[in-house]
Amino acid sequence: MRPFRFLISVLFFVFTGISHAQEVPSQLDTRIYEIIENTSAERIEKDIRTLAGFGTRNTFSDTVSTTRGIGAARRWIKAEFEKISEECGGCLEVFYQRDLVTKEGNGRVPKDAYVVNVVAILRGTDYPNSHVIMSGDIDSRASNTMDFEIDAPGANDNASGMAGTIEAARVLSKYKFKHSIAFVGLSGEEQGLFGGAGLARYAQENEWEIVGILNNDMIGNIEGVDGVIDNRTFRIFSEPTPANETEQERRSRRFTGGEVDGISRQLARYIHKQVKTYMPEMNPMMIYRLDRFGRGGHHRPFNDLGFAGVRIMEAHENYNRQHQDIRVEDGIEYGDVIEGVNFDYAEKLTSVNAISLAGLAWAPPAPKNVRIGGAVRPSTTLAWEESNDPNVAGYKIYFRLTTSPTWDSFVYVSGVNEHTLEGIVIDNYYFGVAAVGKDGNESAVVFPFRQIRR
């Protein structure tokens, strides 16, 4: 936490005389700095060059060749995950997950084919069925997504995100986590988000608990088509509330608030906070939108099923390098080639992912059944289910003005599962609760959509 905010919180404790407020566990986990230090731009560059070197990774390209096409690419990715697993004593569970897509009724499907994802799971010690996911896309495309034979190296879109996912697996495989971390390569993104949809269904059918998915799609370009060069800023896209919420939940929100406080938005805030704490040189932009205007990414199929998910990507896109045949027209170079990738920037955004995955996977589970009360009185009460996790040190009750994008203040409590904030009027703020581990790592904040009933 920033020193000024910490001082404000301490003064708040003193001023209000809160009986349960206690000293907060250490706010910094030094292992996070190790993760940042151990992430390698050189290894990311090597992997991006390898992926781009397959010529094309179009979902419907060659699956037999050992040197060209999506088949060669996904076998190489699986082999890299298996190599990482071998180095950590078999710590990764590596497998293919696939679904058949057919030409009939699909405008971007030129022929029937299997869409094959590559999955590597670092199994958690305490909550093995609870997953934090990082994804990159395997496939690429040229100007015409139906042309699966023309060169489409996809160096930035999306060899950068896939290479970042592999590198995060290398770094995080050196640690043990309470929750499982899944590193996945998704196919069929350019044809209609088929790979993400298939894995989301697989997760649902296998009853995965998903803390959140961090979808990485283009994390290597620093030069925008408008000429802006920026190697510090990146975007986090998140939808405001779950797409599958009920009509009753929508009606309740109209009167209680929370229009920008769904689970994906809390995941975005978590990443933002983690970056400002451990990588303050970076400039994370929370974009209050599911994705870029009129466009889509592989976190959306997870959102569609009610899972938390965000898209992490560069801030300044270069459309001359996206979805383009390699060519020169009127002196302008087109095509998603290796020269358009900044490997140091890809390393930074890989670190952003890795420290967010680690923080969530080390943290206790988020509080359940969070409720709130405080109408027509000068105080606000939060309550939640008591946790039996011995790793829980306490809870942070966060609050912010309704117009603020971030959780700006908190009160820390321990040994309780209900607390009243005296002098804090419910009408003027939004509230949430996060579980805090003994190592200082926190869960994502849970917004109280339910009211306390006595």
Protein backbone atom coordinates (compact mmCIF):
# COMPACT_ATOMS: atom_id res chain seq x y z
CA MET A 1 0.00 0.00 0.00
CA ARG A 2 1.17 3.53 -0.67
CA PRO A 3 2.51 5.19 2.53
CA PHE A 4 -0.04 8.02 2.38
CA ARG A 5 -2.97 5.60 2.17
CA PHE A 6 -1.51 3.54 5.02
CA LEU A 7 -1.27 6.67 7.17
CA ILE A 8 -4.88 7.57 6.37
CA SER A 9 -5.98 4.08 7.40
CA VAL A 10 -4.08 4.33 10.70
CA LEU A 11 -5.61 7.73 11.44
CA PHE A 12 -9.02 6.29 10.61
CA PHE A 13 -8.50 3.55 13.20
CA VAL A 14 -7.52 6.10 15.87
CA PHE A 15 -10.29 8.55 15.07
CA THR A 16 -13.12 6.03 15.10
CA GLY A 17 -11.88 3.83 17.92
CA ILE A 18 -12.50 0.62 15.97
CA SER A 19 -12.06 -2.30 18.38
CA HIS A 20 -11.16 -5.00 15.85
CA ALA A 21 -8.69 -2.97 13.78
CA GLN A 22 -5.21 -4.45 14.06
CA GLU A 23 -1.78 -4.19 12.52
CA VAL A 24 -1.77 -5.38 8.94
CA PRO A 25 0.57 -8.26 7.96
CA SER A 26 3.55 -7.26 5.87
CA GLN A 27 2.32 -5.72 2.64
CA LEU A 28 5.20 -6.99 0.51
CA ASP A 29 6.12 -10.53 -0.46
CA THR A 30 9.79 -10.57 -1.53
CA ARG A 31 9.16 -13.62 -3.71
CA ILE A 32 7.25 -11.34 -6.08
CA TYR A 33 10.43 -9.35 -6.73
CA GLU A 34 12.24 -12.62 -7.48
CA ILE A 35 9.61 -13.46 -10.09
CA ILE A 36 10.10 -10.10 -11.82
CA GLU A 37 13.88 -10.49 -11.74
CA ASN A 38 13.78 -14.02 -13.15
CA THR A 39 11.57 -13.23 -16.16
CA SER A 40 13.77 -13.17 -19.26
CA ALA A 41 13.39 -11.04 -22.39
CA GLU A 42 15.98 -13.24 -24.11
CA ARG A 43 13.94 -16.41 -23.61
CA ILE A 44 10.76 -14.63 -24.71
CA GLU A 45 12.51 -13.39 -27.86
CA LYS A 46 13.72 -16.90 -28.67
CA ASP A 47 10.20 -18.30 -28.30
CA ILE A 48 8.59 -15.55 -30.37
CA ARG A 49 11.11 -16.15 -33.15
CA THR A 50 10.40 -19.89 -33.01
CA LEU A 51 6.64 -19.40 -33.22
CA ALA A 52 6.91 -16.86 -36.05
CA GLY A 53 9.25 -19.27 -37.82
CA PHE A 54 6.44 -21.77 -38.41
CA GLY A 55 5.38 -19.56 -41.33
CA THR A 56 1.69 -19.63 -40.54
CA ARG A 57 -0.24 -20.80 -37.52
CA ASN A 58 -3.66 -20.41 -39.08
CA THR A 59 -6.06 -22.77 -37.31
CA PHE A 60 -6.67 -24.64 -40.59
CA SER A 61 -3.06 -24.75 -41.76
CA ASP A 62 -0.86 -27.84 -42.07
CA THR A 63 -1.01 -30.23 -39.11
CA VAL A 64 1.43 -32.86 -40.44
CA SER A 65 4.59 -30.88 -41.19
CA THR A 66 7.26 -30.67 -38.51
CA THR A 67 8.36 -27.20 -39.59
CA ARG A 68 5.28 -25.31 -40.82
CA GLY A 69 1.70 -24.79 -39.70
CA ILE A 70 -0.32 -24.95 -36.52
CA GLY A 71 0.32 -28.64 -35.96
CA ALA A 72 4.07 -28.09 -35.68
CA ALA A 73 3.48 -25.03 -33.48
CA ARG A 74 1.23 -26.73 -30.95
CA ARG A 75 3.52 -29.78 -30.73
CA TRP A 76 6.44 -27.44 -30.03
CA ILE A 77 4.44 -25.61 -27.32
CA LYS A 78 3.50 -28.91 -25.68
CA ALA A 79 7.14 -30.02 -25.80
CA GLU A 80 8.22 -26.75 -24.13
CA PHE A 81 5.72 -27.25 -21.30
CA GLU A 82 6.93 -30.85 -20.91
CA LYS A 83 10.54 -29.65 -20.79
CA ILE A 84 9.64 -27.17 -18.05
CA SER A 85 7.84 -29.94 -16.17
CA GLU A 86 10.86 -32.23 -16.42
CA GLU A 87 13.07 -29.53 -14.94
CA CYS A 88 10.76 -29.13 -11.92
CA GLY A 89 10.38 -32.85 -11.26
CA GLY A 90 7.12 -33.36 -13.13
CA CYS A 91 5.29 -30.40 -11.56
CA LEU A 92 3.17 -29.66 -14.66
CA GLU A 93 0.25 -31.71 -15.96
CA VAL A 94 0.47 -31.20 -19.73
CA PHE A 95 -2.25 -32.24 -22.18
CA TYR A 96 -4.20 -31.33 -25.30
CA GLN A 97 -7.84 -30.26 -25.10
CA ARG A 98 -9.69 -30.27 -28.40
CA ASP A 99 -13.07 -29.76 -30.05
CA LEU A 100 -14.26 -30.34 -33.59
CA VAL A 101 -15.48 -27.28 -35.51
CA THR A 102 -17.37 -27.71 -38.77
CA LYS A 103 -17.74 -25.62 -41.87
CA GLU A 104 -21.53 -25.71 -41.76
CA GLY A 105 -22.94 -22.50 -40.30
CA ASN A 106 -19.51 -20.99 -39.56
CA GLY A 107 -18.50 -18.21 -41.95
CA ARG A 108 -14.84 -18.26 -40.90
CA VAL A 109 -14.39 -22.04 -41.07
CA PRO A 110 -13.14 -23.18 -44.51
CA LYS A 111 -13.16 -26.88 -43.59
CA ASP A 112 -13.97 -29.20 -40.72
CA ALA A 113 -11.07 -29.43 -38.27
CA TYR A 114 -10.13 -29.94 -34.67
CA VAL A 115 -9.35 -26.84 -32.66
CA VAL A 116 -6.59 -27.98 -30.29
CA ASN A 117 -5.53 -26.19 -27.11
CA VAL A 118 -2.38 -26.92 -25.10
CA VAL A 119 -2.79 -26.92 -21.31
CA ALA A 120 -0.18 -27.11 -18.53
CA ILE A 121 -1.39 -27.13 -14.92
CA LEU A 122 0.81 -26.39 -11.91
CA ARG A 123 -1.33 -28.13 -9.30
CA GLY A 124 -2.07 -26.26 -6.09
CA THR A 125 -1.24 -27.72 -2.68
CA ASP A 126 -4.33 -26.56 -0.77
CA TYR A 127 -6.98 -25.88 -3.42
CA PRO A 128 -6.08 -28.10 -6.39
CA ASN A 129 -9.43 -27.56 -8.13
CA SER A 130 -9.18 -23.77 -7.87
CA HIS A 131 -7.46 -22.35 -10.97
CA VAL A 132 -5.83 -19.09 -11.93
CA ILE A 133 -5.30 -19.12 -15.70
CA MET A 134 -2.92 -17.33 -18.07
CA SER A 135 -3.59 -17.72 -21.78
CA GLY A 136 -2.01 -16.82 -25.09
CA ASP A 137 -3.27 -17.59 -28.58
CA ILE A 138 -1.51 -20.14 -30.75
CA ASP A 139 -3.09 -19.21 -34.08
CA SER A 140 -2.32 -16.40 -36.53
CA ARG A 141 -3.89 -14.96 -39.66
CA ALA A 142 -3.16 -12.78 -42.71
CA SER A 143 -5.53 -10.30 -44.38
CA ASN A 144 -7.98 -13.07 -45.31
CA THR A 145 -8.55 -15.35 -42.34
CA MET A 146 -9.81 -18.05 -44.74
CA ASP A 147 -6.42 -18.23 -46.45
CA PHE A 148 -4.58 -20.85 -44.41
CA GLU A 149 -1.63 -21.32 -46.78
CA ILE A 150 -0.19 -17.80 -47.12
CA ASP A 151 2.55 -16.71 -44.69
CA ALA A 152 1.15 -15.30 -41.45
CA PRO A 153 4.00 -15.20 -38.90
CA GLY A 154 1.87 -13.52 -36.21
CA ALA A 155 4.92 -12.30 -34.32
CA ASN A 156 3.01 -9.93 -32.07
CA ASP A 157 -0.51 -11.30 -32.65
CA ASN A 158 -0.07 -13.52 -30.90
CA ALA A 159 3.32 -15.19 -30.60
CA SER A 160 4.07 -12.52 -27.97
CA GLY A 161 1.21 -13.62 -25.69
CA MET A 162 1.98 -17.31 -26.21
CA ALA A 163 5.69 -16.80 -25.51
CA GLY A 164 4.81 -14.83 -22.40
CA THR A 165 2.63 -17.68 -21.17
CA ILE A 166 5.45 -20.19 -21.67
CA GLU A 167 7.91 -17.90 -19.88
CA ALA A 168 5.53 -17.40 -16.95
CA ALA A 169 5.32 -21.20 -16.66
CA ARG A 170 9.13 -21.42 -16.55
CA VAL A 171 9.40 -18.86 -13.78
CA LEU A 172 6.44 -19.89 -11.63
CA SER A 173 7.22 -23.62 -11.86
CA LYS A 174 10.02 -22.94 -9.36
CA TYR A 175 7.43 -22.28 -6.62
CA LYS A 176 4.55 -24.07 -4.94
CA PHE A 177 1.16 -22.39 -4.71
CA LYS A 178 -2.02 -22.96 -2.74
CA HIS A 179 -4.24 -22.65 -5.83
CA SER A 180 -3.53 -24.27 -9.19
CA ILE A 181 -2.14 -22.19 -12.05
CA ALA A 182 -3.02 -23.17 -15.61
CA PHE A 183 -0.88 -21.99 -18.52
CA VAL A 184 -2.76 -22.44 -21.78
CA GLY A 185 -2.30 -21.95 -25.50
CA LEU A 186 -5.65 -21.41 -27.19
CA SER A 187 -6.42 -22.00 -30.88
CA GLY A 188 -9.14 -20.77 -33.19
CA GLU A 189 -9.21 -17.22 -31.83
CA GLU A 190 -9.20 -15.57 -35.23
CA GLN A 191 -12.03 -17.76 -36.51
CA GLY A 192 -14.44 -17.08 -33.65
CA LEU A 193 -12.88 -17.64 -30.21
CA PHE A 194 -13.32 -21.40 -30.62
CA GLY A 195 -10.42 -22.46 -28.43
CA GLY A 196 -11.47 -20.33 -25.48
CA ALA A 197 -15.06 -21.52 -25.81
CA GLY A 198 -13.90 -25.13 -25.82
CA LEU A 199 -11.67 -24.77 -22.76
CA ALA A 200 -14.31 -22.78 -20.87
CA ARG A 201 -16.80 -25.59 -21.46
CA TYR A 202 -14.18 -28.13 -20.43
CA ALA A 203 -13.59 -26.21 -17.20
CA GLN A 204 -17.31 -26.02 -16.49
CA GLU A 205 -17.87 -29.72 -17.24
CA ASN A 206 -14.97 -30.68 -14.98
CA GLU A 207 -16.23 -28.36 -12.24
CA TRP A 208 -13.14 -26.18 -12.13
CA GLU A 209 -13.29 -23.28 -9.74
CA ILE A 210 -11.78 -20.37 -11.66
CA VAL A 211 -10.32 -17.44 -9.73
CA GLY A 212 -9.81 -15.67 -13.05
CA ILE A 213 -8.29 -15.90 -16.51
CA LEU A 214 -5.65 -13.43 -17.71
CA ASN A 215 -5.88 -13.45 -21.49
CA ASN A 216 -2.80 -12.04 -23.22
CA ASP A 217 -3.35 -10.90 -26.77
CA MET A 218 -0.58 -8.73 -28.26
CA ILE A 219 1.90 -7.78 -25.55
CA GLY A 220 4.91 -6.87 -27.69
CA ASN A 221 4.26 -3.67 -29.66
CA ILE A 222 5.26 -0.25 -28.31
CA GLU A 223 4.80 1.89 -31.44
CA GLY A 224 1.25 2.87 -32.30
CA VAL A 225 0.01 3.49 -35.81
CA ASP A 226 -0.41 7.11 -34.68
CA GLY A 227 3.34 7.36 -34.01
CA VAL A 228 3.15 7.21 -30.22
CA ILE A 229 5.96 5.14 -28.67
CA ASP A 230 5.31 3.92 -25.13
CA ASN A 231 7.03 1.01 -23.38
CA ARG A 232 5.39 1.49 -19.97
CA THR A 233 1.64 1.67 -20.54
CA PHE A 234 -0.64 -1.30 -21.05
CA ARG A 235 -4.37 -1.94 -20.98
CA ILE A 236 -6.54 -4.22 -18.84
CA PHE A 237 -9.97 -4.75 -20.39
CA SER A 238 -12.78 -6.03 -18.16
CA GLU A 239 -16.55 -6.25 -18.36
CA PRO A 240 -18.50 -4.46 -15.59
CA THR A 241 -20.78 -7.27 -14.37
CA PRO A 242 -21.17 -10.95 -15.31
CA ALA A 243 -22.94 -11.66 -18.60
CA ASN A 244 -24.97 -14.45 -17.02
CA GLU A 245 -26.37 -12.54 -14.06
CA THR A 246 -30.06 -12.96 -13.33
CA GLU A 247 -32.83 -10.45 -13.77
CA GLN A 248 -33.19 -10.33 -9.98
CA GLU A 249 -29.51 -9.44 -9.64
CA ARG A 250 -29.89 -6.67 -12.21
CA ARG A 251 -32.92 -5.23 -10.39
CA SER A 252 -31.08 -5.34 -7.06
CA ARG A 253 -28.08 -3.53 -8.50
CA ARG A 254 -30.27 -0.70 -9.70
CA PHE A 255 -30.88 0.28 -6.08
CA THR A 256 -27.70 -0.93 -4.34
CA GLY A 257 -25.07 -0.02 -6.96
CA GLY A 258 -22.24 -2.12 -8.26
CA GLU A 259 -22.59 -1.36 -11.97
CA VAL A 260 -18.79 -1.48 -12.29
CA ASP A 261 -18.09 -4.07 -9.60
CA GLY A 262 -18.49 -7.49 -11.15
CA ILE A 263 -15.92 -10.24 -10.66
CA SER A 264 -13.96 -9.39 -13.82
CA ARG A 265 -13.67 -5.75 -12.80
CA GLN A 266 -12.36 -6.83 -9.38
CA LEU A 267 -9.79 -9.00 -11.15
CA ALA A 268 -8.70 -5.96 -13.18
CA ARG A 269 -8.37 -3.91 -9.99
CA TYR A 270 -6.31 -6.67 -8.42
CA ILE A 271 -3.84 -6.64 -11.33
CA HIS A 272 -3.72 -2.84 -11.21
CA LYS A 273 -2.94 -2.88 -7.48
CA GLN A 274 -0.33 -5.63 -7.81
CA VAL A 275 1.46 -3.70 -10.55
CA LYS A 276 1.40 -0.36 -8.70
CA THR A 277 2.79 -2.14 -5.62
CA TYR A 278 5.58 -4.20 -7.20
CA MET A 279 6.18 -2.55 -10.62
CA PRO A 280 5.47 1.14 -10.00
CA GLU A 281 7.35 2.13 -13.15
CA MET A 282 4.51 0.63 -15.21
CA ASN A 283 1.30 2.43 -16.14
CA PRO A 284 -1.68 0.04 -16.11
CA MET A 285 -4.84 1.42 -17.73
CA MET A 286 -8.09 -0.15 -16.61
CA ILE A 287 -10.41 0.00 -19.62
CA TYR A 288 -14.06 -0.20 -18.61
CA ARG A 289 -15.08 -2.34 -21.56
CA LEU A 290 -15.20 -6.06 -22.31
CA ASP A 291 -12.69 -5.61 -25.13
CA ARG A 292 -11.70 -3.19 -27.84
CA PHE A 293 -14.66 -1.53 -29.53
CA GLY A 294 -16.55 -4.08 -31.61
CA ARG A 295 -13.80 -6.71 -31.23
CA GLY A 296 -13.26 -9.79 -29.10
CA GLY A 297 -10.66 -11.85 -27.25
CA HIS A 298 -10.32 -15.26 -25.67
CA HIS A 299 -11.37 -14.15 -22.18
CA ARG A 300 -14.91 -13.57 -23.46
CA PRO A 301 -16.00 -17.23 -23.65
CA PHE A 302 -15.08 -17.56 -19.99
CA ASN A 303 -17.01 -14.38 -19.19
CA ASP A 304 -19.99 -15.81 -21.07
CA LEU A 305 -20.11 -18.73 -18.62
CA GLY A 306 -19.83 -16.45 -15.59
CA PHE A 307 -16.08 -16.76 -14.93
CA ALA A 308 -13.88 -13.75 -14.11
CA GLY A 309 -11.59 -12.84 -16.98
CA VAL A 310 -9.66 -9.89 -18.40
CA ARG A 311 -7.61 -9.04 -21.47
CA ILE A 312 -4.07 -7.72 -20.98
CA MET A 313 -2.45 -6.04 -23.98
CA GLU A 314 -0.36 -3.18 -25.31
CA ALA A 315 -1.70 0.37 -25.12
CA HIS A 316 -0.86 1.59 -28.62
CA GLU A 317 -1.75 -0.74 -31.47
CA ASN A 318 -0.28 -0.69 -34.95
CA TYR A 319 -3.01 -1.77 -37.35
CA ASN A 320 -0.52 -2.01 -40.24
CA ARG A 321 0.91 -5.04 -38.44
CA GLN A 322 -2.39 -6.73 -37.56
CA HIS A 323 -4.29 -9.12 -39.86
CA GLN A 324 -2.21 -8.06 -42.85
CA ASP A 325 -0.51 -9.85 -45.70
CA ILE A 326 3.23 -9.13 -45.71
CA ARG A 327 3.77 -6.44 -48.36
CA VAL A 328 4.83 -2.86 -49.06
CA GLU A 329 2.28 -0.38 -50.42
CA ASP A 330 2.96 3.31 -51.02
CA GLY A 331 6.09 3.01 -48.94
CA ILE A 332 4.22 1.52 -45.96
CA GLU A 333 5.29 -1.87 -44.63
CA TYR A 334 2.47 -4.23 -43.69
CA GLY A 335 2.56 -7.54 -41.87
CA ASP A 336 2.96 -8.95 -38.37
CA VAL A 337 6.67 -9.64 -38.55
CA ILE A 338 9.36 -10.01 -35.91
CA GLU A 339 10.68 -6.46 -36.45
CA GLY A 340 7.48 -5.11 -34.90
CA VAL A 341 8.05 -6.75 -31.51
CA ASN A 342 9.80 -5.11 -28.55
CA PHE A 343 11.04 -8.00 -26.42
CA ASP A 344 11.79 -5.93 -23.31
CA TYR A 345 8.18 -4.71 -23.29
CA ALA A 346 6.92 -8.28 -23.73
CA GLU A 347 9.04 -9.20 -20.70
CA LYS A 348 7.44 -6.45 -18.63
CA LEU A 349 3.91 -7.55 -19.47
CA THR A 350 4.85 -11.16 -18.82
CA SER A 351 6.01 -10.07 -15.37
CA VAL A 352 2.69 -8.27 -14.87
CA ASN A 353 0.94 -11.57 -15.47
CA ALA A 354 3.32 -13.64 -13.40
CA ILE A 355 3.10 -11.49 -10.27
CA SER A 356 -0.69 -11.35 -10.53
CA LEU A 357 -0.94 -15.12 -10.94
CA ALA A 358 1.42 -15.64 -8.01
CA GLY A 359 -0.38 -13.23 -5.69
CA LEU A 360 -3.75 -14.82 -6.38
CA ALA A 361 -2.42 -18.38 -6.16
CA TRP A 362 -0.65 -17.73 -2.84
CA ALA A 363 -3.61 -15.87 -1.32
CA PRO A 364 -6.44 -17.45 0.66
CA PRO A 365 -9.73 -18.01 -1.16
CA ALA A 366 -11.85 -14.89 -1.52
CA PRO A 367 -14.50 -14.39 1.17
CA LYS A 368 -17.85 -16.05 0.50
CA ASN A 369 -21.38 -14.76 1.01
CA VAL A 370 -20.30 -11.15 1.57
CA ARG A 371 -23.24 -9.02 2.73
CA ILE A 372 -23.75 -5.39 3.62
CA GLY A 373 -26.12 -3.28 5.70
CA GLY A 374 -26.34 0.30 6.88
CA ALA A 375 -29.32 2.09 5.37
CA VAL A 376 -30.51 5.26 7.18
CA ARG A 377 -27.79 5.19 9.84
CA PRO A 378 -24.30 6.73 10.16
CA SER A 379 -22.42 3.43 9.86
CA THR A 380 -21.91 0.52 7.49
CA THR A 381 -21.68 -3.17 8.40
CA LEU A 382 -20.00 -5.89 6.35
CA ALA A 383 -20.37 -9.61 7.05
CA TRP A 384 -19.02 -12.76 5.39
CA GLU A 385 -18.71 -16.49 5.97
CA GLU A 386 -16.12 -17.52 8.53
CA SER A 387 -13.15 -19.22 6.86
CA ASN A 388 -11.54 -22.41 8.14
CA ASP A 389 -8.35 -21.76 6.17
CA PRO A 390 -5.44 -21.61 8.67
CA ASN A 391 -3.57 -19.36 6.24
CA VAL A 392 -6.07 -16.51 6.73
CA ALA A 393 -4.55 -13.79 8.91
CA GLY A 394 -7.51 -11.44 8.59
CA TYR A 395 -9.58 -9.38 6.21
CA LYS A 396 -9.39 -5.99 4.57
CA ILE A 397 -12.64 -4.10 4.34
CA TYR A 398 -12.09 -1.80 1.39
CA PHE A 399 -14.10 1.30 0.58
CA ARG A 400 -14.00 4.00 -2.06
CA LEU A 401 -16.08 6.88 -3.32
CA THR A 402 -18.61 5.67 -5.87
CA THR A 403 -16.80 7.62 -8.62
CA SER A 404 -13.33 6.21 -7.86
CA PRO A 405 -11.93 3.48 -10.13
CA THR A 406 -9.76 1.90 -7.42
CA TRP A 407 -10.11 0.72 -3.82
CA ASP A 408 -8.55 3.68 -2.02
CA SER A 409 -9.01 2.99 1.71
CA PHE A 410 -9.35 -0.03 3.96
CA VAL A 411 -9.75 -1.22 7.52
CA TYR A 412 -7.98 -4.41 8.55
CA VAL A 413 -9.67 -6.81 10.97
CA SER A 414 -8.91 -10.31 12.20
CA GLY A 415 -10.66 -12.95 14.25
CA VAL A 416 -14.10 -11.78 13.09
CA ASN A 417 -16.44 -12.28 10.16
CA GLU A 418 -18.48 -9.12 10.66
CA HIS A 419 -17.46 -5.54 11.23
CA THR A 420 -19.14 -2.15 11.48
CA LEU A 421 -17.49 0.97 10.10
CA GLU A 422 -18.66 3.74 12.37
CA GLY A 423 -19.08 7.15 10.78
CA ILE A 424 -18.95 5.75 7.23
CA VAL A 425 -22.30 6.38 5.53
CA ILE A 426 -23.24 3.60 3.13
CA ASP A 427 -24.78 6.02 0.61
CA ASN A 428 -21.48 7.74 -0.23
CA TYR A 429 -19.14 4.77 -0.79
CA TYR A 430 -18.78 1.35 -2.31
CA PHE A 431 -17.41 -1.46 -0.15
CA GLY A 432 -15.73 -4.84 -0.54
CA VAL A 433 -13.88 -7.49 1.45
CA ALA A 434 -10.63 -9.34 0.67
CA ALA A 435 -9.02 -12.20 2.59
CA VAL A 436 -5.41 -11.61 3.67
CA GLY A 437 -2.90 -14.44 4.07
CA LYS A 438 -0.16 -14.64 6.68
CA ASP A 439 2.36 -13.88 3.94
CA GLY A 440 0.52 -10.65 3.07
CA ASN A 441 -0.97 -11.85 -0.22
CA GLU A 442 -4.62 -10.96 -0.73
CA SER A 443 -7.54 -12.42 -2.60
CA ALA A 444 -9.46 -10.33 -5.07
CA VAL A 445 -12.00 -8.02 -3.45
CA VAL A 446 -15.54 -9.35 -3.22
CA PHE A 447 -18.31 -6.81 -3.70
CA PRO A 448 -21.35 -7.32 -1.42
CA PHE A 449 -24.34 -7.64 -3.73
CA ARG A 450 -26.45 -9.12 -0.91
CA GLN A 451 -27.88 -7.24 2.06
CA ILE A 452 -27.60 -8.33 5.68
CA ARG A 453 -30.90 -9.75 6.95
CA ARG A 454 -31.46 -9.90 10.69
